[in-house]
Amino acid sequence: MAFNKMFIMIPVMFAARKLDGEDPMVVYYLRIAYGVVQGICVLAVFYTYLKSFAVAKKYTDRIIYVPPPPTVRNKI
């Protein structure tokens, strides 16, 4: 089941109409909300990086052989 982006976009557009973009406190709270969401995203990426690094570190004793790509030979 695919998630439709309209489930997010429509409520956000309705909420944006009701916000007063001229009020300094509203702008301040929006900036705080934006910073919090960006911080959560950075923490999620950092957590994923740490977990993938731990899994990769677990399998360092294995050697994977990758054969060289085939070469093109010119016949004369």
N, C-alpha and C. Protein backbone atom coordinates (compact mmCIF):
# COMPACT_ATOMS: atom_id res chain seq x y z
N MET A 1 0.84 -1.19 0.00
CA MET A 1 0.00 0.00 0.00
C MET A 1 0.89 1.24 0.00
N ALA A 2 0.74 2.06 -0.98
CA ALA A 2 1.54 3.27 -1.12
C ALA A 2 0.89 4.42 -0.34
N PHE A 3 1.74 5.26 0.24
CA PHE A 3 1.25 6.40 1.01
C PHE A 3 1.11 7.59 0.07
N ASN A 4 -0.04 8.19 0.07
CA ASN A 4 -0.31 9.33 -0.81
C ASN A 4 0.14 10.63 -0.13
N LYS A 5 0.88 11.45 -0.84
CA LYS A 5 1.38 12.71 -0.29
C LYS A 5 0.28 13.71 0.00
N MET A 6 -0.87 13.52 -0.60
CA MET A 6 -1.98 14.44 -0.39
C MET A 6 -2.49 14.39 1.04
N PHE A 7 -2.28 13.26 1.74
CA PHE A 7 -2.70 13.16 3.13
C PHE A 7 -1.92 14.12 4.02
N ILE A 8 -0.75 14.53 3.58
CA ILE A 8 0.06 15.48 4.33
C ILE A 8 -0.12 16.90 3.80
N MET A 9 -0.13 17.04 2.48
CA MET A 9 -0.14 18.37 1.88
C MET A 9 -1.43 19.15 2.15
N ILE A 10 -2.57 18.51 2.03
CA ILE A 10 -3.84 19.22 2.21
C ILE A 10 -4.02 19.75 3.63
N PRO A 11 -3.82 18.95 4.69
CA PRO A 11 -3.94 19.53 6.03
C PRO A 11 -2.92 20.64 6.31
N VAL A 12 -1.73 20.52 5.76
CA VAL A 12 -0.72 21.56 5.97
C VAL A 12 -1.14 22.85 5.27
N MET A 13 -1.71 22.74 4.08
CA MET A 13 -2.16 23.94 3.38
C MET A 13 -3.31 24.62 4.12
N PHE A 14 -4.24 23.83 4.66
CA PHE A 14 -5.33 24.42 5.43
C PHE A 14 -4.82 25.09 6.70
N ALA A 15 -3.84 24.47 7.35
CA ALA A 15 -3.28 25.06 8.57
C ALA A 15 -2.49 26.32 8.24
N ALA A 16 -1.81 26.35 7.09
CA ALA A 16 -1.01 27.52 6.71
C ALA A 16 -1.90 28.73 6.45
N ARG A 17 -3.10 28.52 5.97
CA ARG A 17 -4.01 29.64 5.74
C ARG A 17 -4.43 30.30 7.05
N LYS A 18 -4.51 29.52 8.10
CA LYS A 18 -4.98 30.04 9.38
C LYS A 18 -3.87 30.70 10.21
N LEU A 19 -2.62 30.52 9.81
CA LEU A 19 -1.50 31.12 10.54
C LEU A 19 -1.27 32.54 10.05
N ASP A 20 -1.00 33.42 10.99
CA ASP A 20 -0.72 34.81 10.66
C ASP A 20 0.78 34.97 10.46
N GLY A 21 1.19 35.17 9.23
CA GLY A 21 2.60 35.30 8.91
C GLY A 21 3.21 36.63 9.29
N GLU A 22 2.40 37.57 9.73
CA GLU A 22 2.88 38.89 10.13
C GLU A 22 3.18 38.98 11.62
N ASP A 23 2.60 38.09 12.41
CA ASP A 23 2.79 38.11 13.86
C ASP A 23 4.19 37.58 14.20
N PRO A 24 5.01 38.36 14.90
CA PRO A 24 6.38 37.91 15.20
C PRO A 24 6.43 36.64 16.06
N MET A 25 5.47 36.46 16.95
CA MET A 25 5.48 35.27 17.79
C MET A 25 5.16 34.02 16.98
N VAL A 26 4.25 34.13 16.03
CA VAL A 26 3.91 32.98 15.17
C VAL A 26 5.13 32.61 14.32
N VAL A 27 5.79 33.60 13.78
CA VAL A 27 6.99 33.34 12.98
C VAL A 27 8.07 32.70 13.84
N TYR A 28 8.21 33.17 15.07
CA TYR A 28 9.19 32.61 16.00
C TYR A 28 8.88 31.14 16.29
N TYR A 29 7.60 30.84 16.56
CA TYR A 29 7.22 29.44 16.84
C TYR A 29 7.39 28.56 15.61
N LEU A 30 7.13 29.08 14.44
CA LEU A 30 7.35 28.31 13.22
C LEU A 30 8.84 28.01 13.01
N ARG A 31 9.67 28.98 13.32
CA ARG A 31 11.12 28.75 13.20
C ARG A 31 11.59 27.70 14.20
N ILE A 32 11.05 27.74 15.41
CA ILE A 32 11.40 26.74 16.42
C ILE A 32 10.95 25.36 15.96
N ALA A 33 9.73 25.26 15.43
CA ALA A 33 9.22 23.97 14.95
C ALA A 33 10.08 23.44 13.81
N TYR A 34 10.48 24.33 12.91
CA TYR A 34 11.34 23.93 11.80
C TYR A 34 12.68 23.41 12.32
N GLY A 35 13.27 24.11 13.27
CA GLY A 35 14.54 23.67 13.85
C GLY A 35 14.43 22.34 14.55
N VAL A 36 13.32 22.11 15.26
CA VAL A 36 13.13 20.83 15.95
C VAL A 36 13.00 19.70 14.94
N VAL A 37 12.23 19.90 13.89
CA VAL A 37 12.06 18.86 12.87
C VAL A 37 13.39 18.58 12.17
N GLN A 38 14.16 19.60 11.87
CA GLN A 38 15.46 19.39 11.24
C GLN A 38 16.41 18.64 12.18
N GLY A 39 16.36 18.97 13.48
CA GLY A 39 17.18 18.26 14.45
C GLY A 39 16.81 16.79 14.55
N ILE A 40 15.52 16.49 14.51
CA ILE A 40 15.08 15.09 14.54
C ILE A 40 15.56 14.36 13.30
N CYS A 41 15.50 15.01 12.15
CA CYS A 41 15.98 14.38 10.92
C CYS A 41 17.48 14.10 10.99
N VAL A 42 18.24 15.04 11.48
CA VAL A 42 19.69 14.84 11.61
C VAL A 42 19.99 13.70 12.59
N LEU A 43 19.27 13.66 13.70
CA LEU A 43 19.47 12.57 14.66
C LEU A 43 19.09 11.21 14.07
N ALA A 44 18.05 11.16 13.26
CA ALA A 44 17.65 9.89 12.62
C ALA A 44 18.73 9.43 11.65
N VAL A 45 19.29 10.35 10.88
CA VAL A 45 20.37 9.98 9.95
C VAL A 45 21.60 9.52 10.72
N PHE A 46 21.94 10.22 11.79
CA PHE A 46 23.10 9.86 12.60
C PHE A 46 22.90 8.48 13.25
N TYR A 47 21.70 8.21 13.75
CA TYR A 47 21.39 6.90 14.36
C TYR A 47 21.51 5.79 13.31
N THR A 48 21.00 6.03 12.10
CA THR A 48 21.11 5.04 11.03
C THR A 48 22.56 4.80 10.66
N TYR A 49 23.36 5.86 10.61
CA TYR A 49 24.78 5.72 10.31
C TYR A 49 25.48 4.89 11.38
N LEU A 50 25.19 5.15 12.65
CA LEU A 50 25.83 4.39 13.72
C LEU A 50 25.45 2.92 13.67
N LYS A 51 24.18 2.63 13.42
CA LYS A 51 23.74 1.23 13.34
C LYS A 51 24.38 0.53 12.15
N SER A 52 24.44 1.18 11.00
CA SER A 52 25.06 0.54 9.83
C SER A 52 26.56 0.36 10.04
N PHE A 53 27.20 1.29 10.72
CA PHE A 53 28.62 1.15 11.01
C PHE A 53 28.87 -0.02 11.95
N ALA A 54 27.97 -0.21 12.93
CA ALA A 54 28.12 -1.33 13.86
C ALA A 54 27.93 -2.66 13.14
N VAL A 55 27.00 -2.73 12.22
CA VAL A 55 26.79 -3.97 11.46
C VAL A 55 27.99 -4.23 10.55
N ALA A 56 28.50 -3.19 9.90
CA ALA A 56 29.65 -3.36 9.01
C ALA A 56 30.89 -3.77 9.81
N LYS A 57 31.04 -3.25 11.00
CA LYS A 57 32.18 -3.59 11.83
C LYS A 57 32.13 -5.05 12.28
N LYS A 58 30.93 -5.57 12.40
CA LYS A 58 30.73 -6.95 12.84
C LYS A 58 31.26 -7.94 11.80
N TYR A 59 31.20 -7.58 10.53
CA TYR A 59 31.58 -8.49 9.46
C TYR A 59 32.90 -8.09 8.80
N THR A 60 33.86 -7.61 9.56
CA THR A 60 35.14 -7.19 8.96
C THR A 60 36.07 -8.37 8.71
N ASP A 61 35.80 -9.53 9.29
CA ASP A 61 36.70 -10.66 9.13
C ASP A 61 36.44 -11.43 7.83
N ARG A 62 35.44 -11.09 7.09
CA ARG A 62 35.13 -11.79 5.85
C ARG A 62 35.77 -11.08 4.67
N ILE A 63 36.28 -11.88 3.76
CA ILE A 63 36.88 -11.35 2.55
C ILE A 63 35.94 -11.66 1.39
N ILE A 64 35.63 -10.64 0.64
CA ILE A 64 34.75 -10.81 -0.51
C ILE A 64 35.58 -10.66 -1.77
N TYR A 65 35.55 -11.68 -2.60
CA TYR A 65 36.29 -11.65 -3.85
C TYR A 65 35.39 -11.12 -4.96
N VAL A 66 35.84 -10.07 -5.61
CA VAL A 66 35.13 -9.51 -6.74
C VAL A 66 36.02 -9.69 -7.96
N PRO A 67 35.58 -10.50 -8.92
CA PRO A 67 36.43 -10.74 -10.09
C PRO A 67 36.57 -9.46 -10.92
N PRO A 68 37.70 -9.31 -11.60
CA PRO A 68 37.87 -8.11 -12.43
C PRO A 68 36.91 -8.14 -13.61
N PRO A 69 36.56 -6.99 -14.11
CA PRO A 69 35.65 -6.96 -15.26
C PRO A 69 36.32 -7.55 -16.49
N PRO A 70 35.54 -8.13 -17.37
CA PRO A 70 36.14 -8.70 -18.58
C PRO A 70 36.73 -7.59 -19.46
N THR A 71 37.81 -7.91 -20.10
CA THR A 71 38.47 -6.93 -20.98
C THR A 71 38.13 -7.23 -22.43
N VAL A 72 38.18 -6.20 -23.23
CA VAL A 72 37.93 -6.34 -24.65
C VAL A 72 39.26 -6.56 -25.35
N ARG A 73 39.36 -7.64 -26.09
CA ARG A 73 40.61 -7.95 -26.80
C ARG A 73 40.39 -7.76 -28.30
N ASN A 74 41.30 -7.03 -28.89
CA ASN A 74 41.23 -6.79 -30.34
C ASN A 74 41.96 -7.90 -31.06
N LYS A 75 41.27 -8.54 -32.00
CA LYS A 75 41.90 -9.60 -32.80
C LYS A 75 42.39 -9.00 -34.11
N ILE A 76 43.62 -9.28 -34.43
CA ILE A 76 44.19 -8.76 -35.67
C ILE A 76 44.34 -9.86 -36.67
